[in-house]
Amino acid sequence: MRLRNLFRPLYLAGRIQNWLYERRHPDHPWLAPQAITWLEQHLRPDMRGWEWGSGRSTLWFARRLQSITSIESDAAWFEQVRGMVSGLSNVDLRLVPLEHPDAETYAFDYPVLPANAAVIQTVPDESLDFVVVDGWYRPVCTRAALPKLKPGGILLIDNTDWKDPPHVHVPKDWPLVHQSRNVMTETSIWRKP
């Protein structure tokens, strides 16, 4: 956060509103609140999900989906999330460390696809109903996820307001079915035709 933002009334009001939302919804994913509302209306208990970037979202998705595979790159955070989801049989939590420094995880291409992104290649094409891209290697994770979604499947990418956004790989014919933001993030959701 930049110091000058503290003196912008709308920004400050947004931060307070976000803080209040987080206090009232401590089990919700760290996504734009309107996106969470959209997901509550569209996720079903027969759906299979995948997410890059685990956390509160993993537990939240596990309560709404048949299964969720969650890829985490940070070993300490992985252990915390493992404690959160212990006892849930529909969560496949995997630790897949980064192969590059943080600043190099937003390239649009690599000579060899990093394992963190490539791990989705272990599932058959068109076998997933829902994919979340909210971890590292976002551009290549997005591209790797596209064939894995079933027709009608949901692709959610968080932080689409970032410079060099990862969603440039989403095909133009995929309808953007939801987009919302708060002071912290913009969340965008597409449906595979």
N, C-alpha and C. Protein backbone atom coordinates (compact mmCIF):
# COMPACT_ATOMS: atom_id res chain seq x y z
N MET A 1 0.85 -1.16 0.00
CA MET A 1 0.00 0.00 0.00
C MET A 1 0.90 1.23 0.00
N ARG A 2 0.54 2.19 -0.84
CA ARG A 2 1.31 3.43 -0.90
C ARG A 2 0.80 4.41 0.14
N LEU A 3 1.71 5.15 0.75
CA LEU A 3 1.36 6.10 1.79
C LEU A 3 0.38 7.15 1.29
N ARG A 4 0.54 7.56 0.04
CA ARG A 4 -0.36 8.60 -0.49
C ARG A 4 -1.82 8.12 -0.55
N ASN A 5 -2.02 6.80 -0.68
CA ASN A 5 -3.39 6.27 -0.71
C ASN A 5 -4.13 6.51 0.60
N LEU A 6 -3.40 6.60 1.70
CA LEU A 6 -4.04 6.84 2.99
C LEU A 6 -4.75 8.19 3.04
N PHE A 7 -4.37 9.09 2.15
CA PHE A 7 -4.96 10.42 2.14
C PHE A 7 -6.05 10.56 1.07
N ARG A 8 -6.37 9.48 0.39
CA ARG A 8 -7.46 9.49 -0.59
C ARG A 8 -8.70 8.94 0.11
N PRO A 9 -9.72 9.77 0.31
CA PRO A 9 -10.90 9.34 1.09
C PRO A 9 -11.58 8.09 0.55
N LEU A 10 -11.74 7.96 -0.76
CA LEU A 10 -12.41 6.78 -1.31
C LEU A 10 -11.59 5.51 -1.08
N TYR A 11 -10.28 5.64 -1.21
CA TYR A 11 -9.42 4.49 -0.96
C TYR A 11 -9.50 4.07 0.50
N LEU A 12 -9.40 5.04 1.37
CA LEU A 12 -9.45 4.76 2.80
C LEU A 12 -10.80 4.14 3.18
N ALA A 13 -11.88 4.68 2.64
CA ALA A 13 -13.21 4.13 2.91
C ALA A 13 -13.31 2.69 2.39
N GLY A 14 -12.72 2.43 1.23
CA GLY A 14 -12.72 1.08 0.68
C GLY A 14 -11.94 0.10 1.54
N ARG A 15 -10.81 0.55 2.06
CA ARG A 15 -10.01 -0.31 2.94
C ARG A 15 -10.78 -0.64 4.22
N ILE A 16 -11.46 0.34 4.76
CA ILE A 16 -12.27 0.11 5.97
C ILE A 16 -13.41 -0.85 5.66
N GLN A 17 -14.07 -0.62 4.54
CA GLN A 17 -15.17 -1.51 4.14
C GLN A 17 -14.65 -2.94 3.95
N ASN A 18 -13.50 -3.10 3.33
CA ASN A 18 -12.91 -4.42 3.13
C ASN A 18 -12.56 -5.07 4.47
N TRP A 19 -11.99 -4.30 5.37
CA TRP A 19 -11.64 -4.81 6.69
C TRP A 19 -12.90 -5.28 7.42
N LEU A 20 -13.98 -4.51 7.36
CA LEU A 20 -15.23 -4.91 8.01
C LEU A 20 -15.80 -6.18 7.39
N TYR A 21 -15.74 -6.28 6.06
CA TYR A 21 -16.21 -7.49 5.39
C TYR A 21 -15.42 -8.70 5.88
N GLU A 22 -14.09 -8.57 5.93
CA GLU A 22 -13.24 -9.67 6.38
C GLU A 22 -13.57 -10.07 7.82
N ARG A 23 -13.84 -9.11 8.67
CA ARG A 23 -14.19 -9.40 10.07
C ARG A 23 -15.52 -10.15 10.17
N ARG A 24 -16.48 -9.79 9.31
CA ARG A 24 -17.79 -10.43 9.34
C ARG A 24 -17.80 -11.78 8.64
N HIS A 25 -16.84 -12.02 7.76
CA HIS A 25 -16.79 -13.26 6.96
C HIS A 25 -15.39 -13.88 7.04
N PRO A 26 -14.97 -14.30 8.22
CA PRO A 26 -13.59 -14.79 8.37
C PRO A 26 -13.30 -16.10 7.65
N ASP A 27 -14.33 -16.78 7.16
CA ASP A 27 -14.10 -18.04 6.46
C ASP A 27 -14.21 -17.90 4.94
N HIS A 28 -14.47 -16.69 4.44
CA HIS A 28 -14.60 -16.49 2.99
C HIS A 28 -13.24 -16.40 2.32
N PRO A 29 -13.17 -16.77 1.05
CA PRO A 29 -11.92 -16.61 0.30
C PRO A 29 -11.53 -15.13 0.20
N TRP A 30 -10.26 -14.88 -0.04
CA TRP A 30 -9.78 -13.52 -0.25
C TRP A 30 -10.00 -13.14 -1.71
N LEU A 31 -11.24 -12.96 -2.07
CA LEU A 31 -11.67 -12.54 -3.40
C LEU A 31 -12.59 -11.34 -3.23
N ALA A 32 -12.90 -10.68 -4.33
CA ALA A 32 -13.88 -9.60 -4.26
C ALA A 32 -15.20 -10.16 -3.74
N PRO A 33 -15.84 -9.50 -2.77
CA PRO A 33 -17.07 -10.03 -2.16
C PRO A 33 -18.18 -10.35 -3.16
N GLN A 34 -18.36 -9.55 -4.19
CA GLN A 34 -19.41 -9.84 -5.17
C GLN A 34 -19.11 -11.13 -5.94
N ALA A 35 -17.82 -11.43 -6.12
CA ALA A 35 -17.45 -12.68 -6.79
C ALA A 35 -17.81 -13.87 -5.91
N ILE A 36 -17.66 -13.72 -4.61
CA ILE A 36 -18.03 -14.80 -3.68
C ILE A 36 -19.54 -15.03 -3.76
N THR A 37 -20.31 -13.96 -3.81
CA THR A 37 -21.76 -14.09 -3.96
C THR A 37 -22.10 -14.82 -5.25
N TRP A 38 -21.42 -14.48 -6.33
CA TRP A 38 -21.65 -15.14 -7.62
C TRP A 38 -21.34 -16.64 -7.50
N LEU A 39 -20.23 -16.95 -6.87
CA LEU A 39 -19.85 -18.36 -6.72
C LEU A 39 -20.86 -19.13 -5.87
N GLU A 40 -21.37 -18.50 -4.82
CA GLU A 40 -22.39 -19.16 -3.98
C GLU A 40 -23.60 -19.56 -4.81
N GLN A 41 -23.89 -18.81 -5.85
CA GLN A 41 -25.06 -19.08 -6.69
C GLN A 41 -24.76 -20.08 -7.81
N HIS A 42 -23.49 -20.29 -8.15
CA HIS A 42 -23.17 -21.10 -9.32
C HIS A 42 -22.38 -22.37 -9.04
N LEU A 43 -21.74 -22.49 -7.89
CA LEU A 43 -21.04 -23.73 -7.59
C LEU A 43 -22.04 -24.77 -7.09
N ARG A 44 -21.82 -26.04 -7.50
CA ARG A 44 -22.73 -27.12 -7.12
C ARG A 44 -21.95 -28.27 -6.48
N PRO A 45 -22.61 -29.06 -5.65
CA PRO A 45 -21.93 -30.15 -4.96
C PRO A 45 -21.46 -31.30 -5.86
N ASP A 46 -21.84 -31.30 -7.13
CA ASP A 46 -21.37 -32.36 -8.03
C ASP A 46 -20.16 -31.91 -8.86
N MET A 47 -19.63 -30.73 -8.59
CA MET A 47 -18.54 -30.17 -9.39
C MET A 47 -17.17 -30.56 -8.84
N ARG A 48 -16.23 -30.72 -9.79
CA ARG A 48 -14.82 -30.98 -9.44
C ARG A 48 -14.04 -29.71 -9.69
N GLY A 49 -13.25 -29.28 -8.68
CA GLY A 49 -12.52 -28.03 -8.78
C GLY A 49 -11.02 -28.19 -8.66
N TRP A 50 -10.32 -27.15 -9.06
CA TRP A 50 -8.86 -27.05 -9.01
C TRP A 50 -8.52 -25.62 -8.66
N GLU A 51 -7.55 -25.42 -7.78
CA GLU A 51 -7.11 -24.06 -7.50
C GLU A 51 -5.61 -24.00 -7.33
N TRP A 52 -5.04 -22.92 -7.84
CA TRP A 52 -3.66 -22.57 -7.55
C TRP A 52 -3.71 -21.48 -6.50
N GLY A 53 -3.07 -21.74 -5.37
CA GLY A 53 -3.07 -20.80 -4.26
C GLY A 53 -4.08 -21.25 -3.21
N SER A 54 -3.62 -21.92 -2.19
CA SER A 54 -4.53 -22.47 -1.18
C SER A 54 -4.71 -21.50 -0.02
N GLY A 55 -5.66 -21.81 0.83
CA GLY A 55 -5.93 -20.98 2.00
C GLY A 55 -7.36 -21.15 2.44
N ARG A 56 -7.94 -20.05 2.91
CA ARG A 56 -9.35 -20.11 3.33
C ARG A 56 -10.23 -20.57 2.19
N SER A 57 -9.84 -20.22 0.98
CA SER A 57 -10.64 -20.63 -0.19
C SER A 57 -10.73 -22.14 -0.30
N THR A 58 -9.66 -22.84 0.03
CA THR A 58 -9.66 -24.30 -0.09
C THR A 58 -10.77 -24.92 0.75
N LEU A 59 -10.85 -24.49 1.98
CA LEU A 59 -11.89 -24.99 2.88
C LEU A 59 -13.27 -24.56 2.39
N TRP A 60 -13.40 -23.33 1.94
CA TRP A 60 -14.68 -22.79 1.46
C TRP A 60 -15.15 -23.57 0.24
N PHE A 61 -14.23 -23.83 -0.71
CA PHE A 61 -14.60 -24.60 -1.90
C PHE A 61 -14.93 -26.05 -1.54
N ALA A 62 -14.18 -26.62 -0.60
CA ALA A 62 -14.43 -28.01 -0.20
C ALA A 62 -15.84 -28.18 0.34
N ARG A 63 -16.38 -27.16 0.94
CA ARG A 63 -17.74 -27.23 1.48
C ARG A 63 -18.81 -27.13 0.39
N ARG A 64 -18.41 -26.76 -0.81
CA ARG A 64 -19.37 -26.53 -1.88
C ARG A 64 -19.20 -27.43 -3.10
N LEU A 65 -18.08 -28.11 -3.19
CA LEU A 65 -17.77 -28.92 -4.37
C LEU A 65 -17.62 -30.40 -3.99
N GLN A 66 -17.75 -31.25 -5.00
CA GLN A 66 -17.50 -32.68 -4.79
C GLN A 66 -16.05 -32.90 -4.38
N SER A 67 -15.14 -32.19 -5.08
CA SER A 67 -13.72 -32.30 -4.75
C SER A 67 -12.99 -31.04 -5.18
N ILE A 68 -11.87 -30.78 -4.51
CA ILE A 68 -11.02 -29.64 -4.86
C ILE A 68 -9.57 -30.09 -4.74
N THR A 69 -8.80 -29.85 -5.78
CA THR A 69 -7.36 -30.05 -5.75
C THR A 69 -6.75 -28.67 -5.61
N SER A 70 -5.89 -28.50 -4.63
CA SER A 70 -5.31 -27.20 -4.33
C SER A 70 -3.79 -27.28 -4.39
N ILE A 71 -3.20 -26.41 -5.19
CA ILE A 71 -1.76 -26.40 -5.38
C ILE A 71 -1.16 -25.23 -4.60
N GLU A 72 -0.23 -25.53 -3.71
CA GLU A 72 0.42 -24.50 -2.90
C GLU A 72 1.94 -24.59 -3.10
N SER A 73 2.60 -23.43 -3.13
CA SER A 73 4.04 -23.41 -3.37
C SER A 73 4.86 -23.13 -2.11
N ASP A 74 4.25 -22.57 -1.09
CA ASP A 74 4.97 -22.20 0.13
C ASP A 74 4.80 -23.29 1.19
N ALA A 75 5.91 -23.88 1.64
CA ALA A 75 5.85 -25.02 2.55
C ALA A 75 5.22 -24.67 3.89
N ALA A 76 5.54 -23.51 4.45
CA ALA A 76 4.98 -23.13 5.75
C ALA A 76 3.47 -22.92 5.64
N TRP A 77 3.03 -22.24 4.58
CA TRP A 77 1.60 -22.00 4.38
C TRP A 77 0.88 -23.32 4.10
N PHE A 78 1.53 -24.19 3.33
CA PHE A 78 0.97 -25.52 3.05
C PHE A 78 0.64 -26.24 4.36
N GLU A 79 1.54 -26.19 5.33
CA GLU A 79 1.31 -26.86 6.61
C GLU A 79 0.11 -26.24 7.35
N GLN A 80 -0.02 -24.92 7.28
CA GLN A 80 -1.16 -24.27 7.92
C GLN A 80 -2.47 -24.70 7.26
N VAL A 81 -2.48 -24.70 5.94
CA VAL A 81 -3.70 -25.09 5.23
C VAL A 81 -4.01 -26.56 5.46
N ARG A 82 -2.97 -27.38 5.52
CA ARG A 82 -3.20 -28.81 5.79
C ARG A 82 -3.94 -28.99 7.11
N GLY A 83 -3.58 -28.20 8.11
CA GLY A 83 -4.30 -28.24 9.38
C GLY A 83 -5.75 -27.81 9.23
N MET A 84 -5.99 -26.81 8.38
CA MET A 84 -7.35 -26.30 8.18
C MET A 84 -8.26 -27.34 7.53
N VAL A 85 -7.69 -28.15 6.63
CA VAL A 85 -8.52 -29.08 5.85
C VAL A 85 -8.39 -30.53 6.33
N SER A 86 -7.66 -30.74 7.43
CA SER A 86 -7.49 -32.11 7.90
C SER A 86 -8.86 -32.73 8.19
N GLY A 87 -9.00 -33.96 7.83
CA GLY A 87 -10.26 -34.66 8.04
C GLY A 87 -11.23 -34.54 6.88
N LEU A 88 -10.93 -33.70 5.89
CA LEU A 88 -11.81 -33.58 4.72
C LEU A 88 -11.31 -34.53 3.63
N SER A 89 -12.16 -35.43 3.21
CA SER A 89 -11.76 -36.42 2.22
C SER A 89 -11.85 -35.90 0.78
N ASN A 90 -12.46 -34.75 0.58
CA ASN A 90 -12.63 -34.25 -0.79
C ASN A 90 -11.58 -33.19 -1.16
N VAL A 91 -10.52 -33.04 -0.35
CA VAL A 91 -9.46 -32.07 -0.62
C VAL A 91 -8.17 -32.82 -0.94
N ASP A 92 -7.59 -32.49 -2.08
CA ASP A 92 -6.27 -33.01 -2.47
C ASP A 92 -5.33 -31.80 -2.46
N LEU A 93 -4.64 -31.59 -1.34
CA LEU A 93 -3.73 -30.46 -1.16
C LEU A 93 -2.33 -30.91 -1.53
N ARG A 94 -1.71 -30.18 -2.45
CA ARG A 94 -0.39 -30.57 -2.95
C ARG A 94 0.61 -29.42 -2.80
N LEU A 95 1.80 -29.75 -2.32
CA LEU A 95 2.88 -28.79 -2.24
C LEU A 95 3.74 -28.93 -3.49
N VAL A 96 3.79 -27.86 -4.30
CA VAL A 96 4.61 -27.85 -5.51
C VAL A 96 5.42 -26.55 -5.49
N PRO A 97 6.66 -26.61 -5.01
CA PRO A 97 7.47 -25.39 -4.84
C PRO A 97 7.74 -24.66 -6.15
N LEU A 98 8.04 -23.37 -6.00
CA LEU A 98 8.39 -22.54 -7.16
C LEU A 98 9.77 -22.94 -7.68
N GLU A 99 9.93 -22.79 -8.98
CA GLU A 99 11.22 -23.07 -9.61
C GLU A 99 11.97 -21.80 -9.99
N HIS A 100 11.33 -20.66 -9.76
CA HIS A 100 11.91 -19.37 -10.12
C HIS A 100 11.72 -18.40 -8.96
N PRO A 101 12.52 -17.35 -8.89
CA PRO A 101 12.26 -16.31 -7.89
C PRO A 101 10.88 -15.68 -8.14
N ASP A 102 10.26 -15.16 -7.08
CA ASP A 102 8.91 -14.59 -7.19
C ASP A 102 8.75 -13.67 -8.40
N ALA A 103 9.71 -12.78 -8.60
CA ALA A 103 9.61 -11.79 -9.68
C ALA A 103 9.61 -12.42 -11.06
N GLU A 104 10.02 -13.66 -11.18
CA GLU A 104 10.08 -14.32 -12.48
C GLU A 104 8.93 -15.30 -12.70
N THR A 105 7.90 -15.23 -11.86
CA THR A 105 6.80 -16.19 -11.98
C THR A 105 5.62 -15.66 -12.78
N TYR A 106 5.80 -14.53 -13.45
CA TYR A 106 4.69 -13.98 -14.24
C TYR A 106 5.01 -13.92 -15.72
N ALA A 107 6.01 -14.67 -16.15
CA ALA A 107 6.34 -14.74 -17.57
C ALA A 107 5.19 -15.40 -18.33
N PHE A 108 5.05 -15.05 -19.58
CA PHE A 108 4.00 -15.64 -20.40
C PHE A 108 4.44 -16.98 -20.98
N ASP A 109 5.73 -17.28 -20.92
CA ASP A 109 6.27 -18.53 -21.43
C ASP A 109 7.55 -18.88 -20.71
N TYR A 110 7.84 -20.16 -20.66
CA TYR A 110 9.07 -20.69 -20.09
C TYR A 110 9.59 -21.76 -21.03
N PRO A 111 10.91 -21.97 -21.11
CA PRO A 111 11.41 -23.05 -21.97
C PRO A 111 10.80 -24.40 -21.58
N VAL A 112 10.63 -24.61 -20.27
CA VAL A 112 9.97 -25.82 -19.76
C VAL A 112 8.89 -25.34 -18.80
N LEU A 113 7.68 -25.85 -18.97
CA LEU A 113 6.57 -25.44 -18.12
C LEU A 113 6.90 -25.76 -16.67
N PRO A 114 6.85 -24.77 -15.76
CA PRO A 114 7.15 -25.04 -14.35
C PRO A 114 6.20 -26.10 -13.77
N ALA A 115 6.72 -26.92 -12.88
CA ALA A 115 5.95 -28.01 -12.28
C ALA A 115 4.68 -27.51 -11.62
N ASN A 116 4.72 -26.31 -11.03
CA ASN A 116 3.56 -25.74 -10.36
C ASN A 116 2.39 -25.59 -11.33
N ALA A 117 2.67 -25.22 -12.56
CA ALA A 117 1.63 -25.11 -13.60
C ALA A 117 1.37 -26.44 -14.27
N ALA A 118 2.44 -27.21 -14.49
CA ALA A 118 2.32 -28.46 -15.24
C ALA A 118 1.56 -29.54 -14.49
N VAL A 119 1.43 -29.42 -13.18
CA VAL A 119 0.77 -30.47 -12.40
C VAL A 119 -0.67 -30.70 -12.85
N ILE A 120 -1.31 -29.69 -13.44
CA ILE A 120 -2.69 -29.88 -13.92
C ILE A 120 -2.75 -30.83 -15.10
N GLN A 121 -1.62 -31.07 -15.74
CA GLN A 121 -1.60 -32.00 -16.87
C GLN A 121 -1.84 -33.44 -16.44
N THR A 122 -1.86 -33.68 -15.12
CA THR A 122 -2.14 -35.03 -14.62
C THR A 122 -3.63 -35.38 -14.67
N VAL A 123 -4.49 -34.39 -14.93
CA VAL A 123 -5.92 -34.68 -15.03
C VAL A 123 -6.33 -34.66 -16.49
N PRO A 124 -7.32 -35.46 -16.86
CA PRO A 124 -7.75 -35.51 -18.26
C PRO A 124 -8.35 -34.18 -18.73
N ASP A 125 -8.25 -33.94 -20.02
CA ASP A 125 -8.90 -32.77 -20.62
C ASP A 125 -10.40 -32.85 -20.35
N GLU A 126 -11.02 -31.70 -20.20
CA GLU A 126 -12.46 -31.55 -19.98
C GLU A 126 -12.96 -32.36 -18.78
N SER A 127 -12.16 -32.43 -17.72
CA SER A 127 -12.57 -33.19 -16.54
C SER A 127 -12.90 -32.30 -15.33
N LEU A 128 -12.65 -30.99 -15.46
CA LEU A 128 -12.88 -30.08 -14.33
C LEU A 128 -14.05 -29.15 -14.62
N ASP A 129 -14.78 -28.83 -13.56
CA ASP A 129 -15.92 -27.91 -13.67
C ASP A 129 -15.54 -26.48 -13.27
N PHE A 130 -14.45 -26.35 -12.51
CA PHE A 130 -14.13 -25.07 -11.90
C PHE A 130 -12.62 -24.98 -11.66
N VAL A 131 -12.01 -23.90 -12.11
CA VAL A 131 -10.59 -23.67 -11.90
C VAL A 131 -10.37 -22.26 -11.40
N VAL A 132 -9.52 -22.13 -10.36
CA VAL A 132 -9.14 -20.84 -9.80
C VAL A 132 -7.65 -20.63 -10.03
N VAL A 133 -7.31 -19.50 -10.64
CA VAL A 133 -5.91 -19.12 -10.82
C VAL A 133 -5.66 -17.95 -9.87
N ASP A 134 -4.96 -18.25 -8.76
CA ASP A 134 -4.72 -17.24 -7.74
C ASP A 134 -3.40 -17.50 -7.02
N GLY A 135 -2.46 -18.12 -7.70
CA GLY A 135 -1.16 -18.39 -7.11
C GLY A 135 -0.08 -17.78 -7.98
N TRP A 136 1.06 -18.44 -8.03
CA TRP A 136 2.17 -17.99 -8.86
C TRP A 136 2.02 -18.55 -10.26
N TYR A 137 2.84 -18.11 -11.19
CA TYR A 137 2.85 -18.58 -12.58
C TYR A 137 1.47 -18.39 -13.24
N ARG A 138 0.78 -17.32 -12.90
CA ARG A 138 -0.60 -17.15 -13.36
C ARG A 138 -0.80 -17.22 -14.87
N PRO A 139 0.04 -16.55 -15.68
CA PRO A 139 -0.21 -16.65 -17.13
C PRO A 139 -0.15 -18.09 -17.65
N VAL A 140 0.89 -18.85 -17.25
CA VAL A 140 0.99 -20.21 -17.79
C VAL A 140 0.00 -21.16 -17.11
N CYS A 141 -0.36 -20.89 -15.85
CA CYS A 141 -1.41 -21.69 -15.21
C CYS A 141 -2.74 -21.50 -15.93
N THR A 142 -3.02 -20.26 -16.28
CA THR A 142 -4.26 -19.98 -17.02
C THR A 142 -4.29 -20.77 -18.32
N ARG A 143 -3.21 -20.70 -19.06
CA ARG A 143 -3.16 -21.40 -20.35
C ARG A 143 -3.25 -22.92 -20.15
N ALA A 144 -2.59 -23.44 -19.12
CA ALA A 144 -2.61 -24.89 -18.88
C ALA A 144 -4.00 -25.37 -18.46
N ALA A 145 -4.78 -24.49 -17.83
CA ALA A 145 -6.10 -24.88 -17.33
C ALA A 145 -7.16 -24.95 -18.43
N LEU A 146 -7.00 -24.20 -19.48
CA LEU A 146 -8.06 -24.07 -20.49
C LEU A 146 -8.58 -25.41 -21.01
N PRO A 147 -7.71 -26.34 -21.45
CA PRO A 147 -8.24 -27.61 -21.98
C PRO A 147 -8.80 -28.53 -20.89
N LYS A 148 -8.49 -28.26 -19.64
CA LYS A 148 -8.93 -29.14 -18.55
C LYS A 148 -10.38 -28.87 -18.13
N LEU A 149 -10.89 -27.69 -18.48
CA LEU A 149 -12.27 -27.35 -18.13
C LEU A 149 -13.25 -27.99 -19.09
N LYS A 150 -14.35 -28.48 -18.55
CA LYS A 150 -15.45 -28.99 -19.36
C LYS A 150 -16.13 -27.82 -20.07
N PRO A 151 -16.84 -28.08 -21.18
CA PRO A 151 -17.69 -27.04 -21.72
C PRO A 151 -18.70 -26.60 -20.65
N GLY A 152 -18.84 -25.31 -20.48
CA GLY A 152 -19.69 -24.78 -19.42
C GLY A 152 -18.94 -24.58 -18.11
N GLY A 153 -17.67 -25.02 -18.07
CA GLY A 153 -16.85 -24.88 -16.86
C GLY A 153 -16.53 -23.43 -16.55
N ILE A 154 -16.18 -23.20 -15.29
CA ILE A 154 -15.96 -21.85 -14.77
C ILE A 154 -14.46 -21.64 -14.53
N LEU A 155 -13.93 -20.54 -15.07
CA LEU A 155 -12.54 -20.14 -14.84
C LEU A 155 -12.54 -18.84 -14.08
N LEU A 156 -11.96 -18.84 -12.88
CA LEU A 156 -11.85 -17.64 -12.05
C LEU A 156 -10.38 -17.24 -11.97
N ILE A 157 -10.10 -15.98 -12.26
CA ILE A 157 -8.75 -15.46 -12.10
C ILE A 157 -8.84 -14.25 -11.18
N ASP A 158 -8.06 -14.27 -10.12
CA ASP A 158 -8.03 -13.14 -9.21
C ASP A 158 -6.92 -12.18 -9.62
N ASN A 159 -7.10 -10.93 -9.22
CA ASN A 159 -6.13 -9.86 -9.48
C ASN A 159 -5.99 -9.55 -10.97
N THR A 160 -7.10 -9.55 -11.69
CA THR A 160 -7.04 -9.24 -13.12
C THR A 160 -6.80 -7.76 -13.36
N ASP A 161 -6.69 -6.98 -12.31
CA ASP A 161 -6.37 -5.56 -12.45
C ASP A 161 -4.86 -5.31 -12.38
N TRP A 162 -4.06 -6.35 -12.18
CA TRP A 162 -2.62 -6.19 -12.11
C TRP A 162 -2.03 -5.80 -13.46
N LYS A 163 -0.87 -5.17 -13.41
CA LYS A 163 -0.10 -4.90 -14.63
C LYS A 163 0.28 -6.25 -15.21
N ASP A 164 0.27 -6.38 -16.52
CA ASP A 164 0.54 -7.66 -17.19
C ASP A 164 -0.39 -8.74 -16.69
N PRO A 165 -1.70 -8.56 -16.83
CA PRO A 165 -2.66 -9.52 -16.27
C PRO A 165 -2.58 -10.89 -16.94
N PRO A 166 -2.83 -11.94 -16.15
CA PRO A 166 -2.74 -13.30 -16.69
C PRO A 166 -3.88 -13.67 -17.61
N HIS A 167 -4.96 -12.91 -17.59
CA HIS A 167 -6.13 -13.32 -18.36
C HIS A 167 -6.01 -13.05 -19.85
N VAL A 168 -4.87 -12.56 -20.31
CA VAL A 168 -4.72 -12.38 -21.75
C VAL A 168 -4.79 -13.72 -22.48
N HIS A 169 -4.60 -14.81 -21.78
CA HIS A 169 -4.65 -16.13 -22.41
C HIS A 169 -6.07 -16.70 -22.49
N VAL A 170 -7.04 -16.07 -21.88
CA VAL A 170 -8.41 -16.55 -21.96
C VAL A 170 -8.92 -16.26 -23.38
N PRO A 171 -9.39 -17.29 -24.08
CA PRO A 171 -9.86 -17.06 -25.46
C PRO A 171 -10.97 -16.01 -25.53
N LYS A 172 -10.95 -15.25 -26.59
CA LYS A 172 -11.92 -14.15 -26.76
C LYS A 172 -13.36 -14.65 -26.82
N ASP A 173 -13.58 -15.90 -27.21
CA ASP A 173 -14.96 -16.39 -27.32
C ASP A 173 -15.49 -16.94 -25.99
N TRP A 174 -14.69 -16.90 -24.93
CA TRP A 174 -15.16 -17.31 -23.61
C TRP A 174 -15.88 -16.12 -22.98
N PRO A 175 -17.16 -16.23 -22.69
CA PRO A 175 -17.87 -15.09 -22.11
C PRO A 175 -17.39 -14.77 -20.70
N LEU A 176 -17.15 -13.49 -20.47
CA LEU A 176 -16.87 -12.99 -19.12
C LEU A 176 -18.22 -12.89 -18.43
N VAL A 177 -18.46 -13.76 -17.44
CA VAL A 177 -19.78 -13.85 -16.81
C VAL A 177 -19.87 -13.06 -15.51
N HIS A 178 -18.71 -12.69 -14.98
CA HIS A 178 -18.72 -11.87 -13.77
C HIS A 178 -17.37 -11.17 -13.62
N GLN A 179 -17.45 -9.92 -13.16
CA GLN A 179 -16.23 -9.19 -12.82
C GLN A 179 -16.59 -8.20 -11.73
N SER A 180 -15.82 -8.21 -10.65
CA SER A 180 -16.07 -7.26 -9.57
C SER A 180 -14.76 -6.96 -8.88
N ARG A 181 -14.79 -5.87 -8.14
CA ARG A 181 -13.57 -5.48 -7.45
C ARG A 181 -13.90 -4.84 -6.13
N ASN A 182 -12.93 -4.88 -5.26
CA ASN A 182 -12.96 -4.06 -4.07
C ASN A 182 -11.65 -3.28 -4.08
N VAL A 183 -11.33 -2.62 -3.01
CA VAL A 183 -10.13 -1.80 -2.99
C VAL A 183 -8.86 -2.64 -3.10
N MET A 184 -8.95 -3.93 -2.83
CA MET A 184 -7.79 -4.80 -2.80
C MET A 184 -7.58 -5.60 -4.09
N THR A 185 -8.65 -5.96 -4.78
CA THR A 185 -8.50 -6.90 -5.88
C THR A 185 -9.64 -6.78 -6.90
N GLU A 186 -9.39 -7.26 -8.10
CA GLU A 186 -10.44 -7.44 -9.09
C GLU A 186 -10.48 -8.93 -9.40
N THR A 187 -11.67 -9.50 -9.35
CA THR A 187 -11.86 -10.92 -9.62
C THR A 187 -12.70 -11.04 -10.89
N SER A 188 -12.24 -11.86 -11.82
CA SER A 188 -12.94 -12.05 -13.10
C SER A 188 -13.25 -13.53 -13.28
N ILE A 189 -14.42 -13.78 -13.84
CA ILE A 189 -14.90 -15.16 -14.03
C ILE A 189 -15.41 -15.34 -15.46
N TRP A 190 -14.92 -16.38 -16.11
CA TRP A 190 -15.35 -16.73 -17.47
C TRP A 190 -16.01 -18.09 -17.46
N ARG A 191 -16.83 -18.34 -18.49
CA ARG A 191 -17.42 -19.67 -18.68
C ARG A 191 -16.96 -20.22 -20.02
N LYS A 192 -16.48 -21.46 -20.01
CA LYS A 192 -16.01 -22.08 -21.25
C LYS A 192 -17.20 -22.40 -22.14
N PRO A 193 -17.16 -21.98 -23.40
CA PRO A 193 -18.28 -22.28 -24.31
C PRO A 193 -18.43 -23.77 -24.56
